[in-house]
Amino acid sequence: MAEFQVRIIDQFTPGFIQAARELYLENRWIDENTDPAFPGNAFANSFAVAGAFTSDGQLAGVGRAISDGVSDAYIQDIMTAGAFRRQGVGTMVTQALVAELKKRKIEWIGLVGVPGTEKFYAGCGLKCAPGHTLWLGGEAL
């Protein structure tokens, strides 16, 4: 099993953005017709971005958090490259984002997971919020 270094990214180089875009494509979260500025603009407007890298610098996983910077945050877009799944990469990225948010004194951290991800996020130390309802707007309706 490979070793990974996870870090909070604050400089979004073209190489990092391209590698992240390839992860979004591989995970089918975007397609070839998606604006080429994505995910660069999304990262630039996020509160925190975490990346997991192999020893040779390859991006193995990524995730981001959006926040008001004061009280609340939401973790989004946790994904891992296929070659590195089931090696703890997603967990490390999620935990790095939680740690960064808590370091910045943000204690209310939300995340929306698709059905089937409950065990994964529980393994990251997150807890389900029973009795809460997800509300959607825009095209999601």
N, C-alpha and C. Protein backbone atom coordinates (compact mmCIF):
# COMPACT_ATOMS: atom_id res chain seq x y z
N MET A 1 0.84 -1.17 0.00
CA MET A 1 0.00 0.00 0.00
C MET A 1 0.89 1.25 0.00
N ALA A 2 0.52 2.22 -0.80
CA ALA A 2 1.30 3.45 -0.95
C ALA A 2 1.16 4.33 0.30
N GLU A 3 2.13 5.20 0.48
CA GLU A 3 2.05 6.21 1.54
C GLU A 3 1.64 7.52 0.91
N PHE A 4 0.88 8.32 1.66
CA PHE A 4 0.36 9.58 1.14
C PHE A 4 0.65 10.71 2.09
N GLN A 5 0.86 11.88 1.51
CA GLN A 5 0.99 13.09 2.30
C GLN A 5 -0.24 13.93 2.01
N VAL A 6 -0.94 14.32 3.05
CA VAL A 6 -2.13 15.15 2.90
C VAL A 6 -1.80 16.53 3.41
N ARG A 7 -2.16 17.53 2.64
CA ARG A 7 -1.91 18.90 3.08
C ARG A 7 -3.01 19.83 2.60
N ILE A 8 -3.13 20.93 3.32
CA ILE A 8 -4.05 21.99 2.92
C ILE A 8 -3.35 22.78 1.83
N ILE A 9 -4.06 22.98 0.72
CA ILE A 9 -3.48 23.65 -0.45
C ILE A 9 -3.93 25.11 -0.44
N ASP A 10 -2.97 26.02 -0.54
CA ASP A 10 -3.34 27.43 -0.62
C ASP A 10 -2.84 28.10 -1.90
N GLN A 11 -2.07 27.37 -2.68
CA GLN A 11 -1.62 27.86 -3.98
C GLN A 11 -2.07 26.84 -5.03
N PHE A 12 -2.92 27.28 -5.92
CA PHE A 12 -3.50 26.38 -6.90
C PHE A 12 -2.76 26.52 -8.23
N THR A 13 -1.70 25.73 -8.36
CA THR A 13 -0.90 25.78 -9.58
C THR A 13 -1.69 25.19 -10.74
N PRO A 14 -1.34 25.55 -11.97
CA PRO A 14 -2.01 24.93 -13.12
C PRO A 14 -1.94 23.41 -13.10
N GLY A 15 -0.80 22.85 -12.66
CA GLY A 15 -0.65 21.40 -12.59
C GLY A 15 -1.62 20.78 -11.59
N PHE A 16 -1.77 21.42 -10.43
CA PHE A 16 -2.70 20.92 -9.42
C PHE A 16 -4.14 21.00 -9.94
N ILE A 17 -4.49 22.11 -10.55
CA ILE A 17 -5.85 22.27 -11.06
C ILE A 17 -6.14 21.24 -12.14
N GLN A 18 -5.20 20.99 -13.02
CA GLN A 18 -5.40 19.99 -14.07
C GLN A 18 -5.55 18.59 -13.48
N ALA A 19 -4.71 18.26 -12.51
CA ALA A 19 -4.80 16.94 -11.87
C ALA A 19 -6.14 16.79 -11.15
N ALA A 20 -6.59 17.86 -10.50
CA ALA A 20 -7.88 17.81 -9.81
C ALA A 20 -9.02 17.69 -10.82
N ARG A 21 -8.93 18.41 -11.93
CA ARG A 21 -9.96 18.30 -12.96
C ARG A 21 -10.05 16.86 -13.47
N GLU A 22 -8.90 16.22 -13.63
CA GLU A 22 -8.90 14.82 -14.06
C GLU A 22 -9.58 13.92 -13.04
N LEU A 23 -9.42 14.23 -11.74
CA LEU A 23 -10.13 13.46 -10.71
C LEU A 23 -11.64 13.66 -10.83
N TYR A 24 -12.05 14.91 -11.04
CA TYR A 24 -13.49 15.19 -11.21
C TYR A 24 -14.03 14.43 -12.43
N LEU A 25 -13.28 14.42 -13.50
CA LEU A 25 -13.71 13.69 -14.71
C LEU A 25 -13.76 12.18 -14.43
N GLU A 26 -12.72 11.65 -13.83
CA GLU A 26 -12.67 10.21 -13.55
C GLU A 26 -13.84 9.78 -12.67
N ASN A 27 -14.18 10.62 -11.70
CA ASN A 27 -15.27 10.30 -10.77
C ASN A 27 -16.65 10.68 -11.33
N ARG A 28 -16.66 11.19 -12.55
CA ARG A 28 -17.89 11.56 -13.26
C ARG A 28 -18.70 12.64 -12.54
N TRP A 29 -17.99 13.55 -11.89
CA TRP A 29 -18.66 14.67 -11.25
C TRP A 29 -18.79 15.84 -12.21
N ILE A 30 -17.97 15.80 -13.27
CA ILE A 30 -18.08 16.75 -14.38
C ILE A 30 -17.87 15.97 -15.67
N ASP A 31 -18.10 16.62 -16.80
CA ASP A 31 -17.78 15.99 -18.08
C ASP A 31 -16.92 16.95 -18.90
N GLU A 32 -16.53 16.52 -20.08
CA GLU A 32 -15.63 17.31 -20.92
C GLU A 32 -16.21 18.67 -21.29
N ASN A 33 -17.53 18.83 -21.21
CA ASN A 33 -18.17 20.10 -21.56
C ASN A 33 -18.21 21.09 -20.40
N THR A 34 -17.80 20.66 -19.21
CA THR A 34 -17.80 21.55 -18.06
C THR A 34 -16.79 22.68 -18.29
N ASP A 35 -17.16 23.87 -17.87
CA ASP A 35 -16.31 25.05 -18.01
C ASP A 35 -14.87 24.71 -17.63
N PRO A 36 -13.91 25.01 -18.50
CA PRO A 36 -12.49 24.70 -18.21
C PRO A 36 -11.96 25.39 -16.96
N ALA A 37 -12.63 26.45 -16.50
CA ALA A 37 -12.19 27.13 -15.28
C ALA A 37 -12.49 26.32 -14.02
N PHE A 38 -13.30 25.26 -14.18
CA PHE A 38 -13.60 24.39 -13.05
C PHE A 38 -12.59 23.26 -13.00
N PRO A 39 -12.00 22.94 -11.87
CA PRO A 39 -12.33 23.35 -10.52
C PRO A 39 -11.53 24.52 -9.98
N GLY A 40 -10.70 25.14 -10.80
CA GLY A 40 -9.87 26.24 -10.31
C GLY A 40 -10.66 27.32 -9.62
N ASN A 41 -11.75 27.77 -10.23
CA ASN A 41 -12.58 28.81 -9.61
C ASN A 41 -13.23 28.31 -8.33
N ALA A 42 -13.66 27.05 -8.33
CA ALA A 42 -14.27 26.49 -7.12
C ALA A 42 -13.25 26.46 -5.98
N PHE A 43 -12.03 26.05 -6.27
CA PHE A 43 -11.00 26.02 -5.23
C PHE A 43 -10.69 27.43 -4.73
N ALA A 44 -10.54 28.36 -5.65
CA ALA A 44 -10.21 29.74 -5.28
C ALA A 44 -11.28 30.35 -4.37
N ASN A 45 -12.52 29.91 -4.54
CA ASN A 45 -13.62 30.45 -3.74
C ASN A 45 -13.99 29.55 -2.56
N SER A 46 -13.21 28.54 -2.30
CA SER A 46 -13.44 27.66 -1.16
C SER A 46 -12.69 28.18 0.05
N PHE A 47 -13.12 27.76 1.21
CA PHE A 47 -12.47 28.15 2.46
C PHE A 47 -11.19 27.36 2.68
N ALA A 48 -11.24 26.07 2.34
CA ALA A 48 -10.07 25.20 2.50
C ALA A 48 -10.13 24.10 1.45
N VAL A 49 -8.97 23.73 0.94
CA VAL A 49 -8.84 22.64 -0.02
C VAL A 49 -7.74 21.72 0.50
N ALA A 50 -8.01 20.43 0.50
CA ALA A 50 -7.01 19.45 0.93
C ALA A 50 -6.69 18.52 -0.22
N GLY A 51 -5.44 18.18 -0.35
CA GLY A 51 -5.00 17.23 -1.36
C GLY A 51 -4.16 16.14 -0.73
N ALA A 52 -4.31 14.92 -1.25
CA ALA A 52 -3.48 13.79 -0.84
C ALA A 52 -2.56 13.47 -2.00
N PHE A 53 -1.27 13.35 -1.72
CA PHE A 53 -0.27 13.15 -2.76
C PHE A 53 0.55 11.90 -2.48
N THR A 54 0.91 11.22 -3.56
CA THR A 54 1.81 10.08 -3.45
C THR A 54 3.23 10.59 -3.21
N SER A 55 4.14 9.69 -2.92
CA SER A 55 5.52 10.09 -2.66
C SER A 55 6.17 10.75 -3.89
N ASP A 56 5.66 10.46 -5.09
CA ASP A 56 6.21 11.11 -6.29
C ASP A 56 5.40 12.32 -6.73
N GLY A 57 4.48 12.80 -5.86
CA GLY A 57 3.76 14.04 -6.13
C GLY A 57 2.47 13.90 -6.90
N GLN A 58 2.02 12.68 -7.19
CA GLN A 58 0.77 12.48 -7.93
C GLN A 58 -0.41 12.76 -7.00
N LEU A 59 -1.42 13.48 -7.51
CA LEU A 59 -2.62 13.76 -6.74
C LEU A 59 -3.46 12.49 -6.64
N ALA A 60 -3.64 12.00 -5.42
CA ALA A 60 -4.39 10.76 -5.19
C ALA A 60 -5.82 11.04 -4.73
N GLY A 61 -6.04 12.21 -4.13
CA GLY A 61 -7.37 12.56 -3.64
C GLY A 61 -7.45 14.02 -3.33
N VAL A 62 -8.67 14.52 -3.28
CA VAL A 62 -8.89 15.94 -3.04
C VAL A 62 -10.24 16.14 -2.37
N GLY A 63 -10.39 17.25 -1.70
CA GLY A 63 -11.66 17.65 -1.11
C GLY A 63 -11.59 19.11 -0.77
N ARG A 64 -12.76 19.69 -0.51
CA ARG A 64 -12.77 21.12 -0.18
C ARG A 64 -13.86 21.42 0.83
N ALA A 65 -13.74 22.57 1.47
CA ALA A 65 -14.74 23.04 2.42
C ALA A 65 -15.12 24.46 2.05
N ILE A 66 -16.40 24.74 2.17
CA ILE A 66 -16.89 26.10 2.00
C ILE A 66 -17.36 26.59 3.37
N SER A 67 -17.21 27.88 3.61
CA SER A 67 -17.52 28.38 4.95
C SER A 67 -17.67 29.89 4.95
N ASP A 68 -18.35 30.40 6.00
CA ASP A 68 -18.39 31.84 6.23
C ASP A 68 -17.14 32.29 6.98
N GLY A 69 -16.33 31.33 7.42
CA GLY A 69 -15.09 31.65 8.11
C GLY A 69 -15.28 31.99 9.58
N VAL A 70 -16.51 31.89 10.07
CA VAL A 70 -16.79 32.27 11.44
C VAL A 70 -17.43 31.14 12.23
N SER A 71 -18.51 30.57 11.69
CA SER A 71 -19.24 29.60 12.50
C SER A 71 -19.53 28.27 11.80
N ASP A 72 -19.86 28.29 10.52
CA ASP A 72 -20.32 27.09 9.82
C ASP A 72 -19.44 26.76 8.63
N ALA A 73 -19.39 25.47 8.31
CA ALA A 73 -18.67 25.02 7.12
C ALA A 73 -19.33 23.76 6.58
N TYR A 74 -19.14 23.54 5.31
CA TYR A 74 -19.61 22.34 4.64
C TYR A 74 -18.46 21.72 3.87
N ILE A 75 -18.28 20.44 4.04
CA ILE A 75 -17.26 19.72 3.29
C ILE A 75 -17.89 19.21 2.01
N GLN A 76 -17.17 19.33 0.92
CA GLN A 76 -17.68 18.95 -0.40
C GLN A 76 -16.61 18.25 -1.21
N ASP A 77 -17.06 17.55 -2.23
CA ASP A 77 -16.20 17.04 -3.31
C ASP A 77 -15.04 16.16 -2.82
N ILE A 78 -15.31 15.29 -1.86
CA ILE A 78 -14.29 14.34 -1.44
C ILE A 78 -14.19 13.26 -2.52
N MET A 79 -13.02 13.11 -3.11
CA MET A 79 -12.87 12.09 -4.14
C MET A 79 -11.44 11.56 -4.17
N THR A 80 -11.34 10.34 -4.65
CA THR A 80 -10.05 9.64 -4.72
C THR A 80 -9.87 9.08 -6.12
N ALA A 81 -8.65 9.10 -6.60
CA ALA A 81 -8.34 8.47 -7.89
C ALA A 81 -8.56 6.97 -7.76
N GLY A 82 -9.08 6.35 -8.82
CA GLY A 82 -9.40 4.93 -8.79
C GLY A 82 -8.26 4.05 -8.34
N ALA A 83 -7.04 4.37 -8.75
CA ALA A 83 -5.88 3.55 -8.41
C ALA A 83 -5.57 3.56 -6.92
N PHE A 84 -6.14 4.52 -6.18
CA PHE A 84 -5.80 4.67 -4.77
C PHE A 84 -7.00 4.47 -3.84
N ARG A 85 -8.10 3.98 -4.36
CA ARG A 85 -9.27 3.75 -3.52
C ARG A 85 -9.00 2.62 -2.53
N ARG A 86 -9.71 2.71 -1.43
CA ARG A 86 -9.63 1.71 -0.35
C ARG A 86 -8.25 1.66 0.29
N GLN A 87 -7.55 2.81 0.25
CA GLN A 87 -6.24 2.91 0.91
C GLN A 87 -6.23 4.03 1.95
N GLY A 88 -7.41 4.55 2.28
CA GLY A 88 -7.51 5.56 3.32
C GLY A 88 -7.36 6.99 2.84
N VAL A 89 -7.26 7.20 1.53
CA VAL A 89 -7.03 8.55 1.00
C VAL A 89 -8.21 9.47 1.30
N GLY A 90 -9.41 9.03 1.00
CA GLY A 90 -10.60 9.86 1.25
C GLY A 90 -10.75 10.20 2.72
N THR A 91 -10.47 9.22 3.57
CA THR A 91 -10.54 9.45 5.02
C THR A 91 -9.52 10.50 5.43
N MET A 92 -8.30 10.39 4.93
CA MET A 92 -7.26 11.35 5.29
C MET A 92 -7.62 12.76 4.83
N VAL A 93 -8.17 12.88 3.62
CA VAL A 93 -8.57 14.20 3.10
C VAL A 93 -9.69 14.78 3.96
N THR A 94 -10.70 13.97 4.27
CA THR A 94 -11.81 14.43 5.09
C THR A 94 -11.33 14.87 6.46
N GLN A 95 -10.50 14.05 7.10
CA GLN A 95 -9.99 14.38 8.43
C GLN A 95 -9.10 15.63 8.41
N ALA A 96 -8.34 15.82 7.33
CA ALA A 96 -7.51 17.03 7.22
C ALA A 96 -8.39 18.28 7.14
N LEU A 97 -9.48 18.19 6.40
CA LEU A 97 -10.39 19.34 6.30
C LEU A 97 -11.05 19.62 7.65
N VAL A 98 -11.52 18.58 8.33
CA VAL A 98 -12.13 18.77 9.66
C VAL A 98 -11.12 19.41 10.60
N ALA A 99 -9.89 18.92 10.62
CA ALA A 99 -8.85 19.47 11.50
C ALA A 99 -8.57 20.94 11.17
N GLU A 100 -8.52 21.26 9.87
CA GLU A 100 -8.26 22.65 9.48
C GLU A 100 -9.40 23.56 9.91
N LEU A 101 -10.63 23.10 9.75
CA LEU A 101 -11.79 23.90 10.16
C LEU A 101 -11.79 24.11 11.67
N LYS A 102 -11.53 23.06 12.42
CA LYS A 102 -11.49 23.20 13.87
C LYS A 102 -10.34 24.10 14.31
N LYS A 103 -9.20 24.00 13.62
CA LYS A 103 -8.06 24.88 13.92
C LYS A 103 -8.46 26.35 13.76
N ARG A 104 -9.34 26.59 12.81
CA ARG A 104 -9.82 27.96 12.56
C ARG A 104 -11.06 28.29 13.37
N LYS A 105 -11.34 27.47 14.39
CA LYS A 105 -12.43 27.70 15.35
C LYS A 105 -13.82 27.54 14.74
N ILE A 106 -13.94 26.75 13.70
CA ILE A 106 -15.25 26.46 13.11
C ILE A 106 -15.66 25.09 13.62
N GLU A 107 -16.72 25.06 14.41
CA GLU A 107 -17.14 23.83 15.07
C GLU A 107 -18.36 23.18 14.41
N TRP A 108 -19.19 23.93 13.68
CA TRP A 108 -20.36 23.34 13.01
C TRP A 108 -19.94 22.99 11.60
N ILE A 109 -19.79 21.70 11.36
CA ILE A 109 -19.29 21.22 10.07
C ILE A 109 -20.31 20.26 9.50
N GLY A 110 -20.84 20.58 8.33
CA GLY A 110 -21.82 19.74 7.67
C GLY A 110 -21.24 19.09 6.43
N LEU A 111 -21.92 18.05 5.99
CA LEU A 111 -21.51 17.34 4.78
C LEU A 111 -22.72 16.57 4.28
N VAL A 112 -22.95 16.60 2.99
CA VAL A 112 -24.02 15.81 2.40
C VAL A 112 -23.38 14.65 1.66
N GLY A 113 -23.71 13.46 2.05
CA GLY A 113 -23.19 12.27 1.40
C GLY A 113 -24.30 11.56 0.64
N VAL A 114 -23.95 11.01 -0.49
CA VAL A 114 -24.93 10.25 -1.26
C VAL A 114 -25.22 8.93 -0.54
N PRO A 115 -26.39 8.33 -0.78
CA PRO A 115 -26.69 7.05 -0.15
C PRO A 115 -25.57 6.04 -0.40
N GLY A 116 -25.22 5.33 0.64
CA GLY A 116 -24.16 4.34 0.55
C GLY A 116 -22.83 4.83 1.10
N THR A 117 -22.73 6.11 1.43
CA THR A 117 -21.46 6.65 1.96
C THR A 117 -21.47 6.77 3.48
N GLU A 118 -22.54 6.33 4.12
CA GLU A 118 -22.67 6.48 5.57
C GLU A 118 -21.50 5.83 6.32
N LYS A 119 -21.16 4.61 5.95
CA LYS A 119 -20.09 3.90 6.65
C LYS A 119 -18.75 4.61 6.44
N PHE A 120 -18.52 5.09 5.22
CA PHE A 120 -17.27 5.80 4.94
C PHE A 120 -17.15 7.03 5.85
N TYR A 121 -18.18 7.89 5.87
CA TYR A 121 -18.08 9.12 6.65
C TYR A 121 -18.07 8.85 8.15
N ALA A 122 -18.76 7.81 8.59
CA ALA A 122 -18.68 7.43 10.01
C ALA A 122 -17.25 7.03 10.35
N GLY A 123 -16.58 6.35 9.42
CA GLY A 123 -15.18 5.97 9.62
C GLY A 123 -14.23 7.16 9.66
N CYS A 124 -14.69 8.29 9.14
CA CYS A 124 -13.90 9.53 9.19
C CYS A 124 -14.11 10.27 10.50
N GLY A 125 -15.01 9.76 11.34
CA GLY A 125 -15.29 10.41 12.61
C GLY A 125 -16.50 11.33 12.58
N LEU A 126 -17.24 11.34 11.48
CA LEU A 126 -18.43 12.18 11.38
C LEU A 126 -19.64 11.40 11.87
N LYS A 127 -20.67 12.14 12.28
CA LYS A 127 -21.89 11.52 12.77
C LYS A 127 -23.07 12.00 11.95
N CYS A 128 -23.99 11.09 11.68
CA CYS A 128 -25.21 11.43 10.97
C CYS A 128 -26.09 12.30 11.88
N ALA A 129 -26.82 13.21 11.29
CA ALA A 129 -27.72 14.08 12.04
C ALA A 129 -29.16 13.58 11.87
N PRO A 130 -29.57 12.60 12.67
CA PRO A 130 -30.91 12.04 12.52
C PRO A 130 -31.99 13.11 12.67
N GLY A 131 -33.04 12.96 11.91
CA GLY A 131 -34.16 13.88 12.01
C GLY A 131 -33.99 15.17 11.23
N HIS A 132 -32.85 15.36 10.58
CA HIS A 132 -32.65 16.56 9.79
C HIS A 132 -33.09 16.29 8.35
N THR A 133 -33.58 17.32 7.70
CA THR A 133 -34.06 17.20 6.33
C THR A 133 -33.16 18.00 5.39
N LEU A 134 -32.79 17.41 4.30
CA LEU A 134 -31.99 18.09 3.28
C LEU A 134 -32.93 18.88 2.39
N TRP A 135 -32.65 20.14 2.21
CA TRP A 135 -33.46 21.01 1.36
C TRP A 135 -32.62 21.38 0.14
N LEU A 136 -33.20 21.30 -1.03
CA LEU A 136 -32.51 21.62 -2.27
C LEU A 136 -33.27 22.71 -3.02
N GLY A 137 -32.53 23.46 -3.82
CA GLY A 137 -33.13 24.47 -4.68
C GLY A 137 -32.48 24.44 -6.04
N GLY A 138 -32.88 25.33 -6.89
CA GLY A 138 -32.28 25.41 -8.22
C GLY A 138 -32.60 24.20 -9.06
N GLU A 139 -31.62 23.76 -9.84
CA GLU A 139 -31.83 22.66 -10.77
C GLU A 139 -32.01 21.32 -10.09
N ALA A 140 -31.64 21.23 -8.81
CA ALA A 140 -31.78 19.97 -8.09
C ALA A 140 -33.24 19.57 -7.94
N LEU A 141 -34.13 20.55 -8.05
CA LEU A 141 -35.55 20.22 -7.91
C LEU A 141 -36.01 19.64 -9.18
